Amino acid sequence: MGPAELMQAAAMARRFYLEGKSKIQIADEFGVSRFKVARVLETALERDLIRIEIRVPAELDAERSDALRAKYGLRHVVVVESPAEAADDAADPENLGEVAADLLGELVTEGDVLGLAWGRSTIHMAAALRQLPPCTVVQLTGVYDAGTADRGSVEAVRRAAEVAGGEAHPIYAPMLLPDAGTAAALRSQTGIARAFDYFDKVTVAAVSIGSWEPGISTVHDMLSDTGREHYSSLGVAAEMSAHLFDSAGRRIGRDLGERCITVEAERLRRIPEVVAIAGGQRKSAAIGAVLRSGLVTSLVTDTAAADALLLGEQPGPRPALERKDPDGAALHS
């Protein structure tokens, strides 16, 4: 390019990229065809006259986010940089909750019903919430330990409702009960039944994912040794909201649900937006299993988990967007 061509290309690029003018408008201004404008802009890119940068906050990884979204057919994926000092077996980084709180601020609209399941990540997320449109907040699962409800999911529901200025519908009951009869009796109690009535109205939900091991899976920790051995023998790879999954995303140990206070899997599948919050290399296989289940639509994770998920085998045709149950047909609206 000579000096005149350079100045013309620079001017056209300014009009197109900075001022937002169309190629037709630029062509009219410079007295050339729109095809000429297109060639000049293309040449300017090739000659490095124009540099296009996509910049996101340093702690977010746009490339991994997009690759993971495409691989699993997810609606939204946000990958957060893993802490430099994090060990391979570390629990979910707390900054996942902060990023998830910002994501919910985008996804929730006025009049929505927000559902929160028990999990350390969802509790961290609720604590980090700074703004939400006016909405109702409902608890989707019982608590890990009813004696710590004020520091757990009940408090998370209260906190989210306070930020949103909406109603709160907590569940004052353990997640896992000794038998199906006790669980059924609790579900019929007025406060718990009222929360369950809201499950079909939930439009956005936030859930956590656990791998099947001590300290990582709530259900694993709540079961007896005999119970753990039984469900382990079925090939459990992941747990989410007291539902168990094998590595292919198929639900197993469904009888456990009769003893649990939790949103049913098919109700969860009908919620338009289900955001899973989980990270760490230790949880990567569990995250992959839940993504294959078709129960979640979006994911907040970290680079350690993302790298492992991207290296794993292809999950099949867009399980999240199709909301497909690996054991049955796709969900029909």
C-alpha atoms as a PDB file:
ATOM      1  CA  MET A   1       0.000   0.000   0.000  1.00  0.00           C
ATOM      2  CA  GLY A   2       1.192   3.473  -0.873  1.00  0.00           C
ATOM      3  CA  PRO A   3       0.565   6.474   1.387  1.00  0.00           C
ATOM      4  CA  ALA A   4      -2.772   7.361  -0.270  1.00  0.00           C
ATOM      5  CA  GLU A   5      -4.025   3.784  -0.034  1.00  0.00           C
ATOM      6  CA  LEU A   6      -2.923   3.567   3.593  1.00  0.00           C
ATOM      7  CA  MET A   7      -4.762   6.763   4.522  1.00  0.00           C
ATOM      8  CA  GLN A   8      -7.878   5.648   2.710  1.00  0.00           C
ATOM      9  CA  ALA A   9      -7.783   2.218   4.338  1.00  0.00           C
ATOM     10  CA  ALA A  10      -7.258   3.792   7.765  1.00  0.00           C
ATOM     11  CA  ALA A  11     -10.186   6.144   7.229  1.00  0.00           C
ATOM     12  CA  MET A  12     -12.480   3.347   6.047  1.00  0.00           C
ATOM     13  CA  ALA A  13     -11.454   1.162   8.967  1.00  0.00           C
ATOM     14  CA  ARG A  14     -12.203   3.994  11.390  1.00  0.00           C
ATOM     15  CA  ARG A  15     -15.657   4.471   9.876  1.00  0.00           C
ATOM     16  CA  PHE A  16     -16.423   0.735   9.948  1.00  0.00           C
ATOM     17  CA  TYR A  17     -14.907  -0.458  13.238  1.00  0.00           C
ATOM     18  CA  LEU A  18     -15.068   2.633  15.448  1.00  0.00           C
ATOM     19  CA  GLU A  19     -17.978   4.675  14.095  1.00  0.00           C
ATOM     20  CA  GLY A  20     -20.197   1.723  13.196  1.00  0.00           C
ATOM     21  CA  LYS A  21     -20.959   2.815   9.647  1.00  0.00           C
ATOM     22  CA  SER A  22     -22.026   0.233   7.063  1.00  0.00           C
ATOM     23  CA  LYS A  23     -19.969  -0.650   4.007  1.00  0.00           C
ATOM     24  CA  ILE A  24     -22.633   0.971   1.819  1.00  0.00           C
ATOM     25  CA  GLN A  25     -22.376   4.244   3.764  1.00  0.00           C
ATOM     26  CA  ILE A  26     -18.582   4.173   3.499  1.00  0.00           C
ATOM     27  CA  ALA A  27     -18.787   3.437  -0.230  1.00  0.00           C
ATOM     28  CA  ASP A  28     -21.070   6.455  -0.741  1.00  0.00           C
ATOM     29  CA  GLU A  29     -18.707   8.722   1.203  1.00  0.00           C
ATOM     30  CA  PHE A  30     -15.590   7.673  -0.704  1.00  0.00           C
ATOM     31  CA  GLY A  31     -17.245   7.250  -4.101  1.00  0.00           C
ATOM     32  CA  VAL A  32     -16.372   3.567  -4.516  1.00  0.00           C
ATOM     33  CA  SER A  33     -18.336   0.310  -4.556  1.00  0.00           C
ATOM     34  CA  ARG A  34     -19.122  -1.563  -1.339  1.00  0.00           C
ATOM     35  CA  PHE A  35     -17.096  -4.456  -2.763  1.00  0.00           C
ATOM     36  CA  LYS A  36     -14.086  -2.130  -2.924  1.00  0.00           C
ATOM     37  CA  VAL A  37     -14.672  -1.195   0.721  1.00  0.00           C
ATOM     38  CA  ALA A  38     -14.797  -4.885   1.669  1.00  0.00           C
ATOM     39  CA  ARG A  39     -11.511  -5.574  -0.195  1.00  0.00           C
ATOM     40  CA  VAL A  40      -9.784  -2.594   1.444  1.00  0.00           C
ATOM     41  CA  LEU A  41     -10.879  -3.699   4.941  1.00  0.00           C
ATOM     42  CA  GLU A  42      -9.772  -7.271   4.229  1.00  0.00           C
ATOM     43  CA  THR A  43      -6.382  -6.094   2.945  1.00  0.00           C
ATOM     44  CA  ALA A  44      -5.976  -3.821   5.971  1.00  0.00           C
ATOM     45  CA  LEU A  45      -6.441  -6.833   8.248  1.00  0.00           C
ATOM     46  CA  GLU A  46      -3.999  -8.922   6.239  1.00  0.00           C
ATOM     47  CA  ARG A  47      -1.356  -6.141   6.287  1.00  0.00           C
ATOM     48  CA  ASP A  48      -1.744  -5.691  10.061  1.00  0.00           C
ATOM     49  CA  LEU A  49      -3.044  -2.135   9.647  1.00  0.00           C
ATOM     50  CA  ILE A  50      -5.994  -3.191  11.797  1.00  0.00           C
ATOM     51  CA  ARG A  51      -5.702  -5.270  14.930  1.00  0.00           C
ATOM     52  CA  ILE A  52      -8.809  -6.666  16.562  1.00  0.00           C
ATOM     53  CA  GLU A  53      -8.535  -7.561  20.252  1.00  0.00           C
ATOM     54  CA  ILE A  54     -11.193  -9.334  22.288  1.00  0.00           C
ATOM     55  CA  ARG A  55     -10.570  -8.410  25.887  1.00  0.00           C
ATOM     56  CA  VAL A  56     -12.302  -9.854  28.947  1.00  0.00           C
ATOM     57  CA  PRO A  57     -11.280  -9.520  32.616  1.00  0.00           C
ATOM     58  CA  ALA A  58      -8.003 -11.319  33.263  1.00  0.00           C
ATOM     59  CA  GLU A  59      -9.598 -13.888  35.578  1.00  0.00           C
ATOM     60  CA  LEU A  60     -12.003 -15.097  32.848  1.00  0.00           C
ATOM     61  CA  ASP A  61     -10.924 -17.382  30.012  1.00  0.00           C
ATOM     62  CA  ALA A  62     -12.922 -16.634  26.858  1.00  0.00           C
ATOM     63  CA  GLU A  63     -11.284 -19.307  24.687  1.00  0.00           C
ATOM     64  CA  ARG A  64     -11.914 -22.179  27.088  1.00  0.00           C
ATOM     65  CA  SER A  65     -15.425 -20.888  27.809  1.00  0.00           C
ATOM     66  CA  ASP A  66     -16.376 -20.960  24.131  1.00  0.00           C
ATOM     67  CA  ALA A  67     -14.741 -24.344  23.488  1.00  0.00           C
ATOM     68  CA  LEU A  68     -16.531 -25.930  26.439  1.00  0.00           C
ATOM     69  CA  ARG A  69     -19.858 -24.354  25.478  1.00  0.00           C
ATOM     70  CA  ALA A  70     -19.549 -25.752  21.945  1.00  0.00           C
ATOM     71  CA  LYS A  71     -18.421 -29.229  23.018  1.00  0.00           C
ATOM     72  CA  TYR A  72     -21.290 -29.817  25.449  1.00  0.00           C
ATOM     73  CA  GLY A  73     -23.964 -27.792  23.686  1.00  0.00           C
ATOM     74  CA  LEU A  74     -24.375 -25.477  26.663  1.00  0.00           C
ATOM     75  CA  ARG A  75     -26.147 -22.134  26.602  1.00  0.00           C
ATOM     76  CA  HIS A  76     -23.650 -20.233  28.759  1.00  0.00           C
ATOM     77  CA  VAL A  77     -20.195 -21.206  30.045  1.00  0.00           C
ATOM     78  CA  VAL A  78     -17.922 -19.013  32.137  1.00  0.00           C
ATOM     79  CA  VAL A  79     -14.464 -20.402  32.871  1.00  0.00           C
ATOM     80  CA  VAL A  80     -12.587 -18.724  35.710  1.00  0.00           C
ATOM     81  CA  GLU A  81      -8.827 -18.852  36.125  1.00  0.00           C
ATOM     82  CA  SER A  82      -7.909 -21.441  38.765  1.00  0.00           C
ATOM     83  CA  PRO A  83      -5.960 -20.004  41.708  1.00  0.00           C
ATOM     84  CA  ALA A  84      -2.226 -20.452  41.100  1.00  0.00           C
ATOM     85  CA  GLU A  85      -1.757 -22.145  44.454  1.00  0.00           C
ATOM     86  CA  ALA A  86      -4.744 -24.497  44.086  1.00  0.00           C
ATOM     87  CA  ALA A  87      -3.918 -28.189  44.498  1.00  0.00           C
ATOM     88  CA  ASP A  88      -5.333 -30.809  42.117  1.00  0.00           C
ATOM     89  CA  ASP A  89      -7.593 -32.130  44.876  1.00  0.00           C
ATOM     90  CA  ALA A  90      -8.782 -28.697  46.056  1.00  0.00           C
ATOM     91  CA  ALA A  91     -12.498 -27.965  46.510  1.00  0.00           C
ATOM     92  CA  ASP A  92     -14.375 -25.480  44.326  1.00  0.00           C
ATOM     93  CA  PRO A  93     -12.571 -22.113  44.269  1.00  0.00           C
ATOM     94  CA  GLU A  94     -14.642 -19.497  46.107  1.00  0.00           C
ATOM     95  CA  ASN A  95     -14.360 -17.094  43.172  1.00  0.00           C
ATOM     96  CA  LEU A  96     -16.698 -19.385  41.225  1.00  0.00           C
ATOM     97  CA  GLY A  97     -19.499 -18.207  43.491  1.00  0.00           C
ATOM     98  CA  GLU A  98     -18.667 -14.574  42.823  1.00  0.00           C
ATOM     99  CA  VAL A  99     -18.732 -15.069  39.051  1.00  0.00           C
ATOM    100  CA  ALA A 100     -21.933 -17.127  39.298  1.00  0.00           C
ATOM    101  CA  ALA A 101     -23.532 -14.281  41.260  1.00  0.00           C
ATOM    102  CA  ASP A 102     -22.735 -11.894  38.395  1.00  0.00           C
ATOM    103  CA  LEU A 103     -24.110 -14.414  35.878  1.00  0.00           C
ATOM    104  CA  LEU A 104     -27.388 -14.747  37.791  1.00  0.00           C
ATOM    105  CA  GLY A 105     -27.631 -10.954  37.774  1.00  0.00           C
ATOM    106  CA  GLU A 106     -27.699 -11.210  33.969  1.00  0.00           C
ATOM    107  CA  LEU A 107     -29.980 -14.229  33.629  1.00  0.00           C
ATOM    108  CA  VAL A 108     -32.687 -13.416  36.171  1.00  0.00           C
ATOM    109  CA  THR A 109     -35.373 -10.967  35.042  1.00  0.00           C
ATOM    110  CA  GLU A 110     -38.161  -9.279  36.953  1.00  0.00           C
ATOM    111  CA  GLY A 111     -40.903 -11.704  37.925  1.00  0.00           C
ATOM    112  CA  ASP A 112     -38.737 -14.825  37.605  1.00  0.00           C
ATOM    113  CA  VAL A 113     -38.669 -17.574  40.210  1.00  0.00           C
ATOM    114  CA  LEU A 114     -35.091 -18.401  41.246  1.00  0.00           C
ATOM    115  CA  GLY A 115     -34.372 -21.855  42.656  1.00  0.00           C
ATOM    116  CA  LEU A 116     -31.314 -22.598  44.806  1.00  0.00           C
ATOM    117  CA  ALA A 117     -30.139 -26.124  45.590  1.00  0.00           C
ATOM    118  CA  TRP A 118     -27.888 -27.011  48.526  1.00  0.00           C
ATOM    119  CA  GLY A 119     -24.167 -26.798  47.848  1.00  0.00           C
ATOM    120  CA  ARG A 120     -21.093 -24.951  49.030  1.00  0.00           C
ATOM    121  CA  SER A 121     -20.795 -23.209  45.680  1.00  0.00           C
ATOM    122  CA  THR A 122     -24.393 -21.978  45.703  1.00  0.00           C
ATOM    123  CA  ILE A 123     -23.952 -20.754  49.273  1.00  0.00           C
ATOM    124  CA  HIS A 124     -20.830 -18.802  48.234  1.00  0.00           C
ATOM    125  CA  MET A 125     -22.761 -17.454  45.250  1.00  0.00           C
ATOM    126  CA  ALA A 126     -25.650 -16.223  47.397  1.00  0.00           C
ATOM    127  CA  ALA A 127     -23.232 -14.489  49.754  1.00  0.00           C
ATOM    128  CA  ALA A 128     -21.670 -12.686  46.785  1.00  0.00           C
ATOM    129  CA  LEU A 129     -24.965 -11.437  45.309  1.00  0.00           C
ATOM    130  CA  ARG A 130     -25.104  -7.656  45.060  1.00  0.00           C
ATOM    131  CA  GLN A 131     -28.098  -7.133  42.795  1.00  0.00           C
ATOM    132  CA  LEU A 132     -31.018  -9.095  41.401  1.00  0.00           C
ATOM    133  CA  PRO A 133     -34.224  -7.969  39.709  1.00  0.00           C
ATOM    134  CA  PRO A 134     -37.371  -8.401  41.826  1.00  0.00           C
ATOM    135  CA  CYS A 135     -38.061 -12.152  41.944  1.00  0.00           C
ATOM    136  CA  THR A 136     -39.223 -14.991  44.182  1.00  0.00           C
ATOM    137  CA  VAL A 137     -36.561 -17.314  45.600  1.00  0.00           C
ATOM    138  CA  VAL A 138     -37.277 -20.946  46.479  1.00  0.00           C
ATOM    139  CA  GLN A 139     -35.095 -23.639  48.011  1.00  0.00           C
ATOM    140  CA  LEU A 140     -34.835 -26.757  45.821  1.00  0.00           C
ATOM    141  CA  THR A 141     -33.398 -29.209  48.351  1.00  0.00           C
ATOM    142  CA  GLY A 142     -33.376 -29.874  52.031  1.00  0.00           C
ATOM    143  CA  VAL A 143     -30.297 -28.981  54.041  1.00  0.00           C
ATOM    144  CA  TYR A 144     -27.207 -31.074  54.669  1.00  0.00           C
ATOM    145  CA  ASP A 145     -27.570 -30.594  58.397  1.00  0.00           C
ATOM    146  CA  ALA A 146     -30.727 -28.978  59.766  1.00  0.00           C
ATOM    147  CA  GLY A 147     -28.695 -27.742  62.726  1.00  0.00           C
ATOM    148  CA  THR A 148     -26.597 -25.519  60.436  1.00  0.00           C
ATOM    149  CA  ALA A 149     -29.469 -24.181  58.326  1.00  0.00           C
ATOM    150  CA  ASP A 150     -28.779 -20.561  59.264  1.00  0.00           C
ATOM    151  CA  ARG A 151     -25.302 -20.863  57.724  1.00  0.00           C
ATOM    152  CA  GLY A 152     -26.332 -22.898  54.705  1.00  0.00           C
ATOM    153  CA  SER A 153     -29.000 -23.127  52.048  1.00  0.00           C
ATOM    154  CA  VAL A 154     -31.779 -21.557  54.129  1.00  0.00           C
ATOM    155  CA  GLU A 155     -29.613 -18.501  54.657  1.00  0.00           C
ATOM    156  CA  ALA A 156     -28.686 -18.520  50.944  1.00  0.00           C
ATOM    157  CA  VAL A 157     -32.380 -18.353  50.007  1.00  0.00           C
ATOM    158  CA  ARG A 158     -32.995 -15.567  52.509  1.00  0.00           C
ATOM    159  CA  ARG A 159     -29.981 -13.644  51.249  1.00  0.00           C
ATOM    160  CA  ALA A 160     -31.014 -13.902  47.584  1.00  0.00           C
ATOM    161  CA  ALA A 161     -34.594 -12.869  48.381  1.00  0.00           C
ATOM    162  CA  GLU A 162     -33.330  -9.907  50.396  1.00  0.00           C
ATOM    163  CA  VAL A 163     -31.166  -8.722  47.481  1.00  0.00           C
ATOM    164  CA  ALA A 164     -34.064  -9.204  45.050  1.00  0.00           C
ATOM    165  CA  GLY A 165     -36.662  -7.688  47.333  1.00  0.00           C
ATOM    166  CA  GLY A 166     -38.869 -10.740  46.774  1.00  0.00           C
ATOM    167  CA  GLU A 167     -40.454 -13.614  48.669  1.00  0.00           C
ATOM    168  CA  ALA A 168     -38.340 -16.388  50.167  1.00  0.00           C
ATOM    169  CA  HIS A 169     -39.528 -20.002  50.368  1.00  0.00           C
ATOM    170  CA  PRO A 170     -36.954 -21.970  52.392  1.00  0.00           C
ATOM    171  CA  ILE A 171     -37.148 -25.647  53.319  1.00  0.00           C
ATOM    172  CA  TYR A 172     -36.521 -26.415  56.991  1.00  0.00           C
ATOM    173  CA  ALA A 173     -35.796 -30.119  56.632  1.00  0.00           C
ATOM    174  CA  PRO A 174     -32.796 -32.419  56.112  1.00  0.00           C
ATOM    175  CA  MET A 175     -32.004 -33.439  52.554  1.00  0.00           C
ATOM    176  CA  LEU A 176     -31.805 -37.165  53.372  1.00  0.00           C
ATOM    177  CA  LEU A 177     -34.240 -38.952  55.693  1.00  0.00           C
ATOM    178  CA  PRO A 178     -33.994 -42.430  57.268  1.00  0.00           C
ATOM    179  CA  ASP A 179     -36.839 -43.849  55.184  1.00  0.00           C
ATOM    180  CA  ALA A 180     -39.367 -43.018  52.454  1.00  0.00           C
ATOM    181  CA  GLY A 181     -42.257 -42.700  54.927  1.00  0.00           C
ATOM    182  CA  THR A 182     -40.558 -39.972  56.948  1.00  0.00           C
ATOM    183  CA  ALA A 183     -39.645 -38.096  53.762  1.00  0.00           C
ATOM    184  CA  ALA A 184     -43.237 -38.279  52.478  1.00  0.00           C
ATOM    185  CA  ALA A 185     -44.584 -37.003  55.803  1.00  0.00           C
ATOM    186  CA  LEU A 186     -42.217 -34.020  55.717  1.00  0.00           C
ATOM    187  CA  ARG A 187     -43.131 -33.185  52.111  1.00  0.00           C
ATOM    188  CA  SER A 188     -46.773 -32.856  53.182  1.00  0.00           C
ATOM    189  CA  GLN A 189     -45.996 -30.268  55.869  1.00  0.00           C
ATOM    190  CA  THR A 190     -47.348 -26.825  54.978  1.00  0.00           C
ATOM    191  CA  GLY A 191     -44.074 -24.887  54.587  1.00  0.00           C
ATOM    192  CA  ILE A 192     -42.310 -27.622  52.634  1.00  0.00           C
ATOM    193  CA  ALA A 193     -45.369 -28.311  50.457  1.00  0.00           C
ATOM    194  CA  ARG A 194     -45.553 -24.585  49.641  1.00  0.00           C
ATOM    195  CA  ALA A 195     -41.938 -24.622  48.463  1.00  0.00           C
ATOM    196  CA  PHE A 196     -42.581 -27.765  46.369  1.00  0.00           C
ATOM    197  CA  ASP A 197     -45.560 -26.015  44.759  1.00  0.00           C
ATOM    198  CA  TYR A 198     -43.126 -23.432  43.393  1.00  0.00           C
ATOM    199  CA  PHE A 199     -40.860 -25.991  41.709  1.00  0.00           C
ATOM    200  CA  ASP A 200     -42.893 -25.969  38.488  1.00  0.00           C
ATOM    201  CA  LYS A 201     -42.690 -22.158  38.414  1.00  0.00           C
ATOM    202  CA  VAL A 202     -38.891 -21.931  38.684  1.00  0.00           C
ATOM    203  CA  THR A 203     -37.376 -20.211  35.642  1.00  0.00           C
ATOM    204  CA  VAL A 204     -33.709 -20.047  36.708  1.00  0.00           C
ATOM    205  CA  ALA A 205     -31.950 -22.479  39.047  1.00  0.00           C
ATOM    206  CA  ALA A 206     -28.465 -22.721  40.520  1.00  0.00           C
ATOM    207  CA  VAL A 207     -27.064 -26.129  41.504  1.00  0.00           C
ATOM    208  CA  SER A 208     -23.785 -27.617  42.696  1.00  0.00           C
ATOM    209  CA  ILE A 209     -22.084 -30.838  41.557  1.00  0.00           C
ATOM    210  CA  GLY A 210     -20.226 -33.323  43.731  1.00  0.00           C
ATOM    211  CA  SER A 211     -17.992 -36.255  42.874  1.00  0.00           C
ATOM    212  CA  TRP A 212     -18.678 -39.500  44.731  1.00  0.00           C
ATOM    213  CA  GLU A 213     -16.157 -39.220  47.549  1.00  0.00           C
ATOM    214  CA  PRO A 214     -15.959 -38.036  51.160  1.00  0.00           C
ATOM    215  CA  GLY A 215     -16.209 -34.294  51.672  1.00  0.00           C
ATOM    216  CA  ILE A 216     -17.212 -33.669  48.061  1.00  0.00           C
ATOM    217  CA  SER A 217     -20.603 -35.394  47.819  1.00  0.00           C
ATOM    218  CA  THR A 218     -23.248 -34.424  50.351  1.00  0.00           C
ATOM    219  CA  VAL A 219     -25.179 -37.651  49.847  1.00  0.00           C
ATOM    220  CA  HIS A 220     -22.017 -39.763  50.199  1.00  0.00           C
ATOM    221  CA  ASP A 221     -21.332 -38.146  53.571  1.00  0.00           C
ATOM    222  CA  MET A 222     -24.932 -38.583  54.790  1.00  0.00           C
ATOM    223  CA  LEU A 223     -25.279 -42.274  53.935  1.00  0.00           C
ATOM    224  CA  SER A 224     -24.276 -45.207  56.102  1.00  0.00           C
ATOM    225  CA  ASP A 225     -21.298 -47.344  55.098  1.00  0.00           C
ATOM    226  CA  THR A 226     -23.708 -49.950  53.738  1.00  0.00           C
ATOM    227  CA  GLY A 227     -25.547 -47.339  51.705  1.00  0.00           C
ATOM    228  CA  ARG A 228     -22.308 -45.964  50.253  1.00  0.00           C
ATOM    229  CA  GLU A 229     -21.173 -49.437  49.237  1.00  0.00           C
ATOM    230  CA  HIS A 230     -24.532 -50.185  47.616  1.00  0.00           C
ATOM    231  CA  TYR A 231     -24.611 -47.048  45.460  1.00  0.00           C
ATOM    232  CA  SER A 232     -20.900 -47.280  44.695  1.00  0.00           C
ATOM    233  CA  SER A 233     -21.540 -50.767  43.286  1.00  0.00           C
ATOM    234  CA  LEU A 234     -23.993 -49.189  40.825  1.00  0.00           C
ATOM    235  CA  GLY A 235     -21.205 -47.072  39.341  1.00  0.00           C
ATOM    236  CA  VAL A 236     -21.897 -43.635  40.783  1.00  0.00           C
ATOM    237  CA  ALA A 237     -19.712 -40.942  39.176  1.00  0.00           C
ATOM    238  CA  ALA A 238     -21.500 -37.773  40.298  1.00  0.00           C
ATOM    239  CA  GLU A 239     -24.147 -36.329  42.570  1.00  0.00           C
ATOM    240  CA  MET A 240     -26.295 -33.241  42.090  1.00  0.00           C
ATOM    241  CA  SER A 241     -29.174 -32.219  44.348  1.00  0.00           C
ATOM    242  CA  ALA A 242     -29.328 -35.770  45.800  1.00  0.00           C
ATOM    243  CA  HIS A 243     -29.574 -37.336  42.327  1.00  0.00           C
ATOM    244  CA  LEU A 244     -26.868 -39.847  41.376  1.00  0.00           C
ATOM    245  CA  PHE A 245     -25.357 -40.302  37.904  1.00  0.00           C
ATOM    246  CA  ASP A 246     -23.038 -42.722  36.193  1.00  0.00           C
ATOM    247  CA  SER A 247     -20.269 -41.525  33.874  1.00  0.00           C
ATOM    248  CA  ALA A 248     -22.650 -41.453  30.882  1.00  0.00           C
ATOM    249  CA  GLY A 249     -25.034 -39.095  32.683  1.00  0.00           C
ATOM    250  CA  ARG A 250     -27.668 -41.764  33.348  1.00  0.00           C
ATOM    251  CA  ARG A 251     -29.462 -41.524  36.672  1.00  0.00           C
ATOM    252  CA  ILE A 252     -28.875 -44.481  38.966  1.00  0.00           C
ATOM    253  CA  GLY A 253     -30.033 -45.346  42.476  1.00  0.00           C
ATOM    254  CA  ARG A 254     -33.398 -43.697  41.838  1.00  0.00           C
ATOM    255  CA  ASP A 255     -34.839 -45.283  44.969  1.00  0.00           C
ATOM    256  CA  LEU A 256     -32.723 -42.841  46.958  1.00  0.00           C
ATOM    257  CA  GLY A 257     -35.008 -40.024  45.811  1.00  0.00           C
ATOM    258  CA  GLU A 258     -37.864 -41.475  47.855  1.00  0.00           C
ATOM    259  CA  ARG A 259     -35.846 -40.694  50.998  1.00  0.00           C
ATOM    260  CA  CYS A 260     -34.790 -37.205  49.911  1.00  0.00           C
ATOM    261  CA  ILE A 261     -36.268 -33.746  50.117  1.00  0.00           C
ATOM    262  CA  THR A 262     -35.270 -32.409  46.711  1.00  0.00           C
ATOM    263  CA  VAL A 263     -36.586 -31.231  43.365  1.00  0.00           C
ATOM    264  CA  GLU A 264     -37.400 -34.196  41.129  1.00  0.00           C
ATOM    265  CA  ALA A 265     -35.082 -34.683  38.145  1.00  0.00           C
ATOM    266  CA  GLU A 266     -37.832 -34.251  35.547  1.00  0.00           C
ATOM    267  CA  ARG A 267     -38.986 -31.030  37.185  1.00  0.00           C
ATOM    268  CA  LEU A 268     -35.399 -29.840  37.076  1.00  0.00           C
ATOM    269  CA  ARG A 269     -35.220 -30.751  33.391  1.00  0.00           C
ATOM    270  CA  ARG A 270     -38.207 -28.495  32.667  1.00  0.00           C
ATOM    271  CA  ILE A 271     -36.607 -25.420  34.248  1.00  0.00           C
ATOM    272  CA  PRO A 272     -35.574 -23.164  31.343  1.00  0.00           C
ATOM    273  CA  GLU A 273     -32.159 -22.203  32.778  1.00  0.00           C
ATOM    274  CA  VAL A 274     -30.183 -24.426  35.164  1.00  0.00           C
ATOM    275  CA  VAL A 275     -26.725 -23.122  36.065  1.00  0.00           C
ATOM    276  CA  ALA A 276     -24.261 -25.615  37.541  1.00  0.00           C
ATOM    277  CA  ILE A 277     -21.394 -24.244  39.645  1.00  0.00           C
ATOM    278  CA  ALA A 278     -18.449 -26.594  40.136  1.00  0.00           C
ATOM    279  CA  GLY A 279     -14.718 -26.629  39.494  1.00  0.00           C
ATOM    280  CA  GLY A 280     -11.388 -28.235  40.222  1.00  0.00           C
ATOM    281  CA  GLN A 281      -9.660 -31.106  38.450  1.00  0.00           C
ATOM    282  CA  ARG A 282     -10.936 -33.405  41.189  1.00  0.00           C
ATOM    283  CA  LYS A 283     -14.528 -32.783  40.083  1.00  0.00           C
ATOM    284  CA  SER A 284     -14.007 -32.787  36.318  1.00  0.00           C
ATOM    285  CA  ALA A 285     -15.336 -36.310  35.725  1.00  0.00           C
ATOM    286  CA  ALA A 286     -18.396 -35.591  37.871  1.00  0.00           C
ATOM    287  CA  ILE A 287     -19.069 -32.353  35.999  1.00  0.00           C
ATOM    288  CA  GLY A 288     -18.839 -34.190  32.687  1.00  0.00           C
ATOM    289  CA  ALA A 289     -21.308 -36.823  33.896  1.00  0.00           C
ATOM    290  CA  VAL A 290     -23.879 -34.217  34.940  1.00  0.00           C
ATOM    291  CA  LEU A 291     -23.440 -32.283  31.686  1.00  0.00           C
ATOM    292  CA  ARG A 292     -24.284 -35.493  29.804  1.00  0.00           C
ATOM    293  CA  SER A 293     -27.496 -35.855  31.824  1.00  0.00           C
ATOM    294  CA  GLY A 294     -29.235 -33.000  30.000  1.00  0.00           C
ATOM    295  CA  LEU A 295     -30.382 -31.519  33.320  1.00  0.00           C
ATOM    296  CA  VAL A 296     -28.258 -28.349  33.181  1.00  0.00           C
ATOM    297  CA  THR A 297     -28.018 -25.649  30.541  1.00  0.00           C
ATOM    298  CA  SER A 298     -25.094 -23.518  31.727  1.00  0.00           C
ATOM    299  CA  LEU A 299     -21.862 -23.913  33.685  1.00  0.00           C
ATOM    300  CA  VAL A 300     -19.528 -21.822  35.821  1.00  0.00           C
ATOM    301  CA  THR A 301     -16.223 -23.652  36.302  1.00  0.00           C
ATOM    302  CA  ASP A 302     -12.467 -23.094  36.428  1.00  0.00           C
ATOM    303  CA  THR A 303      -9.575 -23.714  34.058  1.00  0.00           C
ATOM    304  CA  ALA A 304      -8.459 -26.905  35.851  1.00  0.00           C
ATOM    305  CA  ALA A 305     -11.839 -28.574  35.314  1.00  0.00           C
ATOM    306  CA  ALA A 306     -12.253 -27.066  31.847  1.00  0.00           C
ATOM    307  CA  ASP A 307      -8.948 -28.504  30.598  1.00  0.00           C
ATOM    308  CA  ALA A 308      -9.896 -31.987  31.781  1.00  0.00           C
ATOM    309  CA  LEU A 309     -13.379 -31.698  30.240  1.00  0.00           C
ATOM    310  CA  LEU A 310     -12.013 -30.518  26.904  1.00  0.00           C
ATOM    311  CA  LEU A 311      -9.623 -33.474  26.772  1.00  0.00           C
ATOM    312  CA  GLY A 312     -12.402 -35.950  27.510  1.00  0.00           C
ATOM    313  CA  GLU A 313     -14.444 -37.824  24.940  1.00  0.00           C
ATOM    314  CA  GLN A 314     -17.176 -36.116  22.945  1.00  0.00           C
ATOM    315  CA  PRO A 315     -20.411 -36.167  24.973  1.00  0.00           C
ATOM    316  CA  GLY A 316     -22.828 -36.662  22.075  1.00  0.00           C
ATOM    317  CA  PRO A 317     -25.200 -34.254  20.341  1.00  0.00           C
ATOM    318  CA  ARG A 318     -25.774 -31.156  22.479  1.00  0.00           C
ATOM    319  CA  PRO A 319     -27.211 -32.802  25.619  1.00  0.00           C
ATOM    320  CA  ALA A 320     -27.797 -29.526  27.458  1.00  0.00           C
ATOM    321  CA  LEU A 321     -29.578 -27.563  24.731  1.00  0.00           C
ATOM    322  CA  GLU A 322     -31.727 -30.559  23.811  1.00  0.00           C
ATOM    323  CA  ARG A 323     -32.407 -31.343  27.510  1.00  0.00           C
ATOM    324  CA  LYS A 324     -32.147 -34.990  26.534  1.00  0.00           C
ATOM    325  CA  ASP A 325     -32.370 -37.733  29.137  1.00  0.00           C
ATOM    326  CA  PRO A 326     -29.739 -40.411  28.328  1.00  0.00           C
ATOM    327  CA  ASP A 327     -32.305 -43.017  29.412  1.00  0.00           C
ATOM    328  CA  GLY A 328     -35.133 -41.665  27.263  1.00  0.00           C
ATOM    329  CA  ALA A 329     -36.216 -39.278  24.551  1.00  0.00           C
ATOM    330  CA  ALA A 330     -35.558 -35.554  24.358  1.00  0.00           C
ATOM    331  CA  LEU A 331     -37.865 -33.310  26.361  1.00  0.00           C
ATOM    332  CA  HIS A 332     -40.741 -31.912  24.302  1.00  0.00           C
ATOM    333  CA  SER A 333     -42.078 -28.526  25.245  1.00  0.00           C
END
